Amino acid sequence: MLHQKVDQDLSDRKNWALRRQLGIPNNKRLWVLACMDERLPVEKALGIGEGDAHIFRNAGGVVTDDAIRSAMLTTHLFGTKEIIVINHTECGMMTASGEFISHFLEKKGINLDQTSIDPALPELKLSKGVFSKWIKTFVDVDETCVKQVELLRHSPLIPEDVVIHGYIWEVETMRLRSPHSRLIEKVNTAQAMSAKGL
């Protein structure tokens, strides 16, 4: 009967809205750190749906103080047991160095040595000359992914029993892969074919 479906929908929406008050964690007990790039469809990449994960996105999908803060809260307070890092090929954070970005902003009149990095904590400022490191540009997406996993694993704020893995989203193939596992380098080359003894 239709009223049963409507009643179930109303109950589902109530549980959705009150899931924190009811102590309901995200469906997969999963926290994802990913780049903010719109070409990285996190849910599609992982095959998850709405409500399955807490998803944290920033430029580059890199571990920052705010990423650690969010990972700490989800693992300690919301029962999250797994963390996945997703970086991607063709990332904009590989297109310029931290020094280039620093000079670019300084030319716009921004004093990077006097700028607070958190408006809610004006006393939180970077040491002189540190901005170019803080921006966290990189040159190798595979190495960056491995490093982000290591940074999370070694954080004293993340419980040791949390499982942490990293993957690369290839924007050119629209597929996930493990870091340093480029299948294209192993197929469709004369060297790879000659290794088969053909």
C-alpha atoms as a PDB file:
ATOM      1  CA  MET A   1       0.000   0.000   0.000  1.00  0.00           C
ATOM      2  CA  LEU A   2       1.145   3.518  -0.767  1.00  0.00           C
ATOM      3  CA  HIS A   3       0.813   4.780   2.812  1.00  0.00           C
ATOM      4  CA  GLN A   4       3.367   2.164   3.925  1.00  0.00           C
ATOM      5  CA  LYS A   5       5.914   3.493   1.435  1.00  0.00           C
ATOM      6  CA  VAL A   6       5.228   7.086   2.521  1.00  0.00           C
ATOM      7  CA  ASP A   7       5.534   6.125   6.202  1.00  0.00           C
ATOM      8  CA  GLN A   8       8.835   4.338   5.497  1.00  0.00           C
ATOM      9  CA  ASP A   9      10.172   7.374   3.588  1.00  0.00           C
ATOM     10  CA  LEU A  10       9.222   9.639   6.510  1.00  0.00           C
ATOM     11  CA  SER A  11      10.964   7.317   8.964  1.00  0.00           C
ATOM     12  CA  ASP A  12      14.072   7.114   6.762  1.00  0.00           C
ATOM     13  CA  ARG A  13      14.287  10.913   6.492  1.00  0.00           C
ATOM     14  CA  LYS A  14      13.898  11.268  10.275  1.00  0.00           C
ATOM     15  CA  ASN A  15      16.687   8.744  10.868  1.00  0.00           C
ATOM     16  CA  TRP A  16      18.856  10.497   8.247  1.00  0.00           C
ATOM     17  CA  ALA A  17      18.415  13.890   9.920  1.00  0.00           C
ATOM     18  CA  LEU A  18      18.936  12.520  13.444  1.00  0.00           C
ATOM     19  CA  ARG A  19      21.659   9.964  12.717  1.00  0.00           C
ATOM     20  CA  ARG A  20      24.218  11.734  14.966  1.00  0.00           C
ATOM     21  CA  GLN A  21      21.723  11.975  17.832  1.00  0.00           C
ATOM     22  CA  LEU A  22      20.813   8.328  17.306  1.00  0.00           C
ATOM     23  CA  GLY A  23      24.488   7.297  17.268  1.00  0.00           C
ATOM     24  CA  ILE A  24      24.328   6.054  13.668  1.00  0.00           C
ATOM     25  CA  PRO A  25      27.784   6.267  11.992  1.00  0.00           C
ATOM     26  CA  ASN A  26      28.286   6.662   8.270  1.00  0.00           C
ATOM     27  CA  ASN A  27      27.298   3.453   6.519  1.00  0.00           C
ATOM     28  CA  LYS A  28      30.815   2.218   5.708  1.00  0.00           C
ATOM     29  CA  ARG A  29      32.595   3.706   8.751  1.00  0.00           C
ATOM     30  CA  LEU A  30      34.818   5.363   6.160  1.00  0.00           C
ATOM     31  CA  TRP A  31      36.644   8.703   5.935  1.00  0.00           C
ATOM     32  CA  VAL A  32      37.988   9.789   2.556  1.00  0.00           C
ATOM     33  CA  LEU A  33      40.652  12.408   1.905  1.00  0.00           C
ATOM     34  CA  ALA A  34      40.503  13.522  -1.734  1.00  0.00           C
ATOM     35  CA  CYS A  35      41.428  16.385  -4.005  1.00  0.00           C
ATOM     36  CA  MET A  36      38.768  19.025  -4.586  1.00  0.00           C
ATOM     37  CA  ASP A  37      39.102  18.663  -8.375  1.00  0.00           C
ATOM     38  CA  GLU A  38      35.700  18.204 -10.005  1.00  0.00           C
ATOM     39  CA  ARG A  39      37.154  15.505 -12.278  1.00  0.00           C
ATOM     40  CA  LEU A  40      37.494  13.227  -9.245  1.00  0.00           C
ATOM     41  CA  PRO A  41      34.038  11.722  -8.550  1.00  0.00           C
ATOM     42  CA  VAL A  42      34.762  10.222  -5.125  1.00  0.00           C
ATOM     43  CA  GLU A  43      31.542   8.245  -4.740  1.00  0.00           C
ATOM     44  CA  LYS A  44      31.788   6.799  -8.252  1.00  0.00           C
ATOM     45  CA  ALA A  45      35.499   6.028  -7.877  1.00  0.00           C
ATOM     46  CA  LEU A  46      34.888   4.025  -4.688  1.00  0.00           C
ATOM     47  CA  GLY A  47      31.500   2.619  -5.623  1.00  0.00           C
ATOM     48  CA  ILE A  48      29.855   4.171  -2.581  1.00  0.00           C
ATOM     49  CA  GLY A  49      26.625   6.073  -2.126  1.00  0.00           C
ATOM     50  CA  GLU A  50      25.147   8.885  -0.100  1.00  0.00           C
ATOM     51  CA  GLY A  51      25.739   8.390   3.597  1.00  0.00           C
ATOM     52  CA  ASP A  52      28.514   5.826   3.120  1.00  0.00           C
ATOM     53  CA  ALA A  53      31.459   8.042   4.090  1.00  0.00           C
ATOM     54  CA  HIS A  54      32.699  11.288   5.514  1.00  0.00           C
ATOM     55  CA  ILE A  55      34.442  12.947   2.578  1.00  0.00           C
ATOM     56  CA  PHE A  56      37.085  15.625   3.136  1.00  0.00           C
ATOM     57  CA  ARG A  57      38.373  17.466   0.077  1.00  0.00           C
ATOM     58  CA  ASN A  58      41.119  20.025  -0.341  1.00  0.00           C
ATOM     59  CA  ALA A  59      43.545  21.207  -3.013  1.00  0.00           C
ATOM     60  CA  GLY A  60      45.696  18.188  -3.843  1.00  0.00           C
ATOM     61  CA  GLY A  61      44.058  15.742  -1.429  1.00  0.00           C
ATOM     62  CA  VAL A  62      46.908  16.284   1.021  1.00  0.00           C
ATOM     63  CA  VAL A  63      47.184  15.896   4.775  1.00  0.00           C
ATOM     64  CA  THR A  64      46.847  19.284   6.462  1.00  0.00           C
ATOM     65  CA  ASP A  65      46.115  20.341  10.021  1.00  0.00           C
ATOM     66  CA  ASP A  66      42.409  20.518   9.166  1.00  0.00           C
ATOM     67  CA  ALA A  67      42.486  17.093   7.510  1.00  0.00           C
ATOM     68  CA  ILE A  68      44.063  15.630  10.665  1.00  0.00           C
ATOM     69  CA  ARG A  69      41.450  17.420  12.796  1.00  0.00           C
ATOM     70  CA  SER A  70      38.626  15.932  10.726  1.00  0.00           C
ATOM     71  CA  ALA A  71      40.173  12.443  10.609  1.00  0.00           C
ATOM     72  CA  MET A  72      40.697  12.541  14.376  1.00  0.00           C
ATOM     73  CA  LEU A  73      37.067  13.496  15.011  1.00  0.00           C
ATOM     74  CA  THR A  74      35.564  10.906  12.655  1.00  0.00           C
ATOM     75  CA  THR A  75      37.719   8.059  14.012  1.00  0.00           C
ATOM     76  CA  HIS A  76      37.366   8.901  17.704  1.00  0.00           C
ATOM     77  CA  LEU A  77      33.790  10.196  17.850  1.00  0.00           C
ATOM     78  CA  PHE A  78      31.951   8.633  14.903  1.00  0.00           C
ATOM     79  CA  GLY A  79      33.351   5.110  14.813  1.00  0.00           C
ATOM     80  CA  THR A  80      35.219   5.394  11.522  1.00  0.00           C
ATOM     81  CA  LYS A  81      37.489   2.377  11.013  1.00  0.00           C
ATOM     82  CA  GLU A  82      38.888   3.000   7.527  1.00  0.00           C
ATOM     83  CA  ILE A  83      40.578   5.910   5.785  1.00  0.00           C
ATOM     84  CA  ILE A  84      41.125   6.131   2.035  1.00  0.00           C
ATOM     85  CA  VAL A  85      43.283   8.782   0.367  1.00  0.00           C
ATOM     86  CA  ILE A  86      42.564   9.528  -3.294  1.00  0.00           C
ATOM     87  CA  ASN A  87      44.958  11.646  -5.327  1.00  0.00           C
ATOM     88  CA  HIS A  88      44.640  11.983  -9.088  1.00  0.00           C
ATOM     89  CA  THR A  89      46.622  12.389 -12.276  1.00  0.00           C
ATOM     90  CA  GLU A  90      46.785  15.817 -13.923  1.00  0.00           C
ATOM     91  CA  CYS A  91      46.414  17.504 -10.508  1.00  0.00           C
ATOM     92  CA  GLY A  92      46.683  21.273 -10.507  1.00  0.00           C
ATOM     93  CA  MET A  93      48.925  21.114  -7.433  1.00  0.00           C
ATOM     94  CA  MET A  94      51.640  19.759  -9.746  1.00  0.00           C
ATOM     95  CA  THR A  95      51.495  22.753 -12.107  1.00  0.00           C
ATOM     96  CA  ALA A  96      53.311  25.333  -9.964  1.00  0.00           C
ATOM     97  CA  SER A  97      55.819  25.313  -7.138  1.00  0.00           C
ATOM     98  CA  GLY A  98      55.115  26.697  -3.690  1.00  0.00           C
ATOM     99  CA  GLU A  99      57.670  29.416  -4.409  1.00  0.00           C
ATOM    100  CA  PHE A 100      55.850  30.415  -7.603  1.00  0.00           C
ATOM    101  CA  ILE A 101      52.516  30.645  -5.752  1.00  0.00           C
ATOM    102  CA  SER A 102      54.151  32.642  -2.937  1.00  0.00           C
ATOM    103  CA  HIS A 103      55.632  35.170  -5.391  1.00  0.00           C
ATOM    104  CA  PHE A 104      52.331  35.365  -7.287  1.00  0.00           C
ATOM    105  CA  LEU A 105      50.398  36.214  -4.109  1.00  0.00           C
ATOM    106  CA  GLU A 106      53.037  38.668  -2.898  1.00  0.00           C
ATOM    107  CA  LYS A 107      52.789  40.506  -6.245  1.00  0.00           C
ATOM    108  CA  LYS A 108      49.069  40.877  -5.488  1.00  0.00           C
ATOM    109  CA  GLY A 109      50.019  42.656  -2.240  1.00  0.00           C
ATOM    110  CA  ILE A 110      49.464  39.795   0.199  1.00  0.00           C
ATOM    111  CA  ASN A 111      52.017  39.722   3.016  1.00  0.00           C
ATOM    112  CA  LEU A 112      52.371  35.975   3.578  1.00  0.00           C
ATOM    113  CA  ASP A 113      54.490  36.457   6.705  1.00  0.00           C
ATOM    114  CA  GLN A 114      51.732  38.455   8.418  1.00  0.00           C
ATOM    115  CA  THR A 115      48.613  36.615   7.226  1.00  0.00           C
ATOM    116  CA  SER A 116      46.679  34.466   9.672  1.00  0.00           C
ATOM    117  CA  ILE A 117      45.962  31.042   8.195  1.00  0.00           C
ATOM    118  CA  ASP A 118      42.830  30.515  10.285  1.00  0.00           C
ATOM    119  CA  PRO A 119      40.431  33.455  10.713  1.00  0.00           C
ATOM    120  CA  ALA A 120      39.001  31.871  13.867  1.00  0.00           C
ATOM    121  CA  LEU A 121      42.511  31.644  15.375  1.00  0.00           C
ATOM    122  CA  PRO A 122      44.267  34.874  14.363  1.00  0.00           C
ATOM    123  CA  GLU A 123      47.251  33.957  16.541  1.00  0.00           C
ATOM    124  CA  LEU A 124      47.891  30.950  14.276  1.00  0.00           C
ATOM    125  CA  LYS A 125      50.430  32.262  11.773  1.00  0.00           C
ATOM    126  CA  LEU A 126      53.097  30.582   9.728  1.00  0.00           C
ATOM    127  CA  SER A 127      56.717  31.250  10.482  1.00  0.00           C
ATOM    128  CA  LYS A 128      58.461  33.622   8.103  1.00  0.00           C
ATOM    129  CA  GLY A 129      59.185  31.962   4.765  1.00  0.00           C
ATOM    130  CA  VAL A 130      57.136  28.806   5.444  1.00  0.00           C
ATOM    131  CA  PHE A 131      54.144  29.591   3.210  1.00  0.00           C
ATOM    132  CA  SER A 132      55.661  27.942   0.132  1.00  0.00           C
ATOM    133  CA  LYS A 133      55.938  24.649   2.074  1.00  0.00           C
ATOM    134  CA  TRP A 134      52.517  25.052   3.711  1.00  0.00           C
ATOM    135  CA  ILE A 135      50.785  25.289   0.309  1.00  0.00           C
ATOM    136  CA  LYS A 136      51.935  21.678  -0.354  1.00  0.00           C
ATOM    137  CA  THR A 137      52.489  21.527  -4.084  1.00  0.00           C
ATOM    138  CA  PHE A 138      54.078  18.342  -5.423  1.00  0.00           C
ATOM    139  CA  VAL A 139      55.684  16.819  -8.513  1.00  0.00           C
ATOM    140  CA  ASP A 140      54.795  13.109  -8.324  1.00  0.00           C
ATOM    141  CA  VAL A 141      51.211  12.043  -7.628  1.00  0.00           C
ATOM    142  CA  ASP A 142      52.182   8.451  -6.755  1.00  0.00           C
ATOM    143  CA  GLU A 143      54.796   9.504  -4.202  1.00  0.00           C
ATOM    144  CA  THR A 144      52.389  12.087  -2.807  1.00  0.00           C
ATOM    145  CA  CYS A 145      49.682   9.463  -2.262  1.00  0.00           C
ATOM    146  CA  VAL A 146      52.108   7.146  -0.464  1.00  0.00           C
ATOM    147  CA  LYS A 147      53.303  10.052   1.694  1.00  0.00           C
ATOM    148  CA  GLN A 148      49.739  11.058   2.694  1.00  0.00           C
ATOM    149  CA  VAL A 149      49.026   7.496   3.857  1.00  0.00           C
ATOM    150  CA  GLU A 150      52.251   7.502   5.898  1.00  0.00           C
ATOM    151  CA  LEU A 151      51.441  10.890   7.456  1.00  0.00           C
ATOM    152  CA  LEU A 152      48.021   9.651   8.564  1.00  0.00           C
ATOM    153  CA  ARG A 153      49.409   6.328   9.825  1.00  0.00           C
ATOM    154  CA  HIS A 154      52.007   8.098  11.952  1.00  0.00           C
ATOM    155  CA  SER A 155      49.688  10.728  13.398  1.00  0.00           C
ATOM    156  CA  PRO A 156      49.228  10.216  17.138  1.00  0.00           C
ATOM    157  CA  LEU A 157      45.687  11.561  16.708  1.00  0.00           C
ATOM    158  CA  ILE A 158      44.543   8.647  14.516  1.00  0.00           C
ATOM    159  CA  PRO A 159      43.893   5.314  16.308  1.00  0.00           C
ATOM    160  CA  GLU A 160      46.341   2.556  15.376  1.00  0.00           C
ATOM    161  CA  ASP A 161      43.557   0.099  14.462  1.00  0.00           C
ATOM    162  CA  VAL A 162      42.230   2.339  11.662  1.00  0.00           C
ATOM    163  CA  VAL A 163      42.961   0.834   8.234  1.00  0.00           C
ATOM    164  CA  ILE A 164      44.503   3.372   5.837  1.00  0.00           C
ATOM    165  CA  HIS A 165      45.016   2.969   2.079  1.00  0.00           C
ATOM    166  CA  GLY A 166      45.736   5.263  -0.841  1.00  0.00           C
ATOM    167  CA  TYR A 167      44.734   5.199  -4.497  1.00  0.00           C
ATOM    168  CA  ILE A 168      45.249   7.218  -7.649  1.00  0.00           C
ATOM    169  CA  TRP A 169      42.289   8.268  -9.801  1.00  0.00           C
ATOM    170  CA  GLU A 170      43.401   8.405 -13.407  1.00  0.00           C
ATOM    171  CA  VAL A 171      41.417  11.217 -14.987  1.00  0.00           C
ATOM    172  CA  GLU A 172      42.414   9.928 -18.426  1.00  0.00           C
ATOM    173  CA  THR A 173      40.954   6.420 -17.873  1.00  0.00           C
ATOM    174  CA  MET A 174      38.418   7.285 -15.148  1.00  0.00           C
ATOM    175  CA  ARG A 175      39.692   4.370 -13.056  1.00  0.00           C
ATOM    176  CA  LEU A 176      41.353   3.885  -9.680  1.00  0.00           C
ATOM    177  CA  ARG A 177      44.744   2.264  -9.351  1.00  0.00           C
ATOM    178  CA  SER A 178      47.247   1.668  -6.584  1.00  0.00           C
ATOM    179  CA  PRO A 179      50.211   4.048  -6.375  1.00  0.00           C
ATOM    180  CA  HIS A 180      53.113   3.018  -8.635  1.00  0.00           C
ATOM    181  CA  SER A 181      50.895   0.546 -10.476  1.00  0.00           C
ATOM    182  CA  ARG A 182      50.538   1.922 -13.979  1.00  0.00           C
ATOM    183  CA  LEU A 183      49.233  -0.904 -16.102  1.00  0.00           C
ATOM    184  CA  ILE A 184      49.783   1.111 -19.261  1.00  0.00           C
ATOM    185  CA  GLU A 185      53.557   0.795 -18.704  1.00  0.00           C
ATOM    186  CA  LYS A 186      53.273  -3.000 -18.742  1.00  0.00           C
ATOM    187  CA  VAL A 187      51.134  -3.399 -21.849  1.00  0.00           C
ATOM    188  CA  ASN A 188      51.164  -2.135 -25.406  1.00  0.00           C
ATOM    189  CA  THR A 189      54.921  -1.613 -25.535  1.00  0.00           C
ATOM    190  CA  ALA A 190      57.535  -3.488 -27.530  1.00  0.00           C
ATOM    191  CA  GLN A 191      59.577  -4.014 -24.372  1.00  0.00           C
ATOM    192  CA  ALA A 192      56.653  -5.591 -22.510  1.00  0.00           C
ATOM    193  CA  MET A 193      55.769  -7.799 -25.465  1.00  0.00           C
ATOM    194  CA  SER A 194      59.381  -8.969 -25.977  1.00  0.00           C
ATOM    195  CA  ALA A 195      59.508  -9.989 -22.320  1.00  0.00           C
ATOM    196  CA  LYS A 196      56.826 -12.581 -23.170  1.00  0.00           C
ATOM    197  CA  GLY A 197      59.223 -14.220 -25.618  1.00  0.00           C
ATOM    198  CA  LEU A 198      57.006 -13.629 -28.645  1.00  0.00           C
END
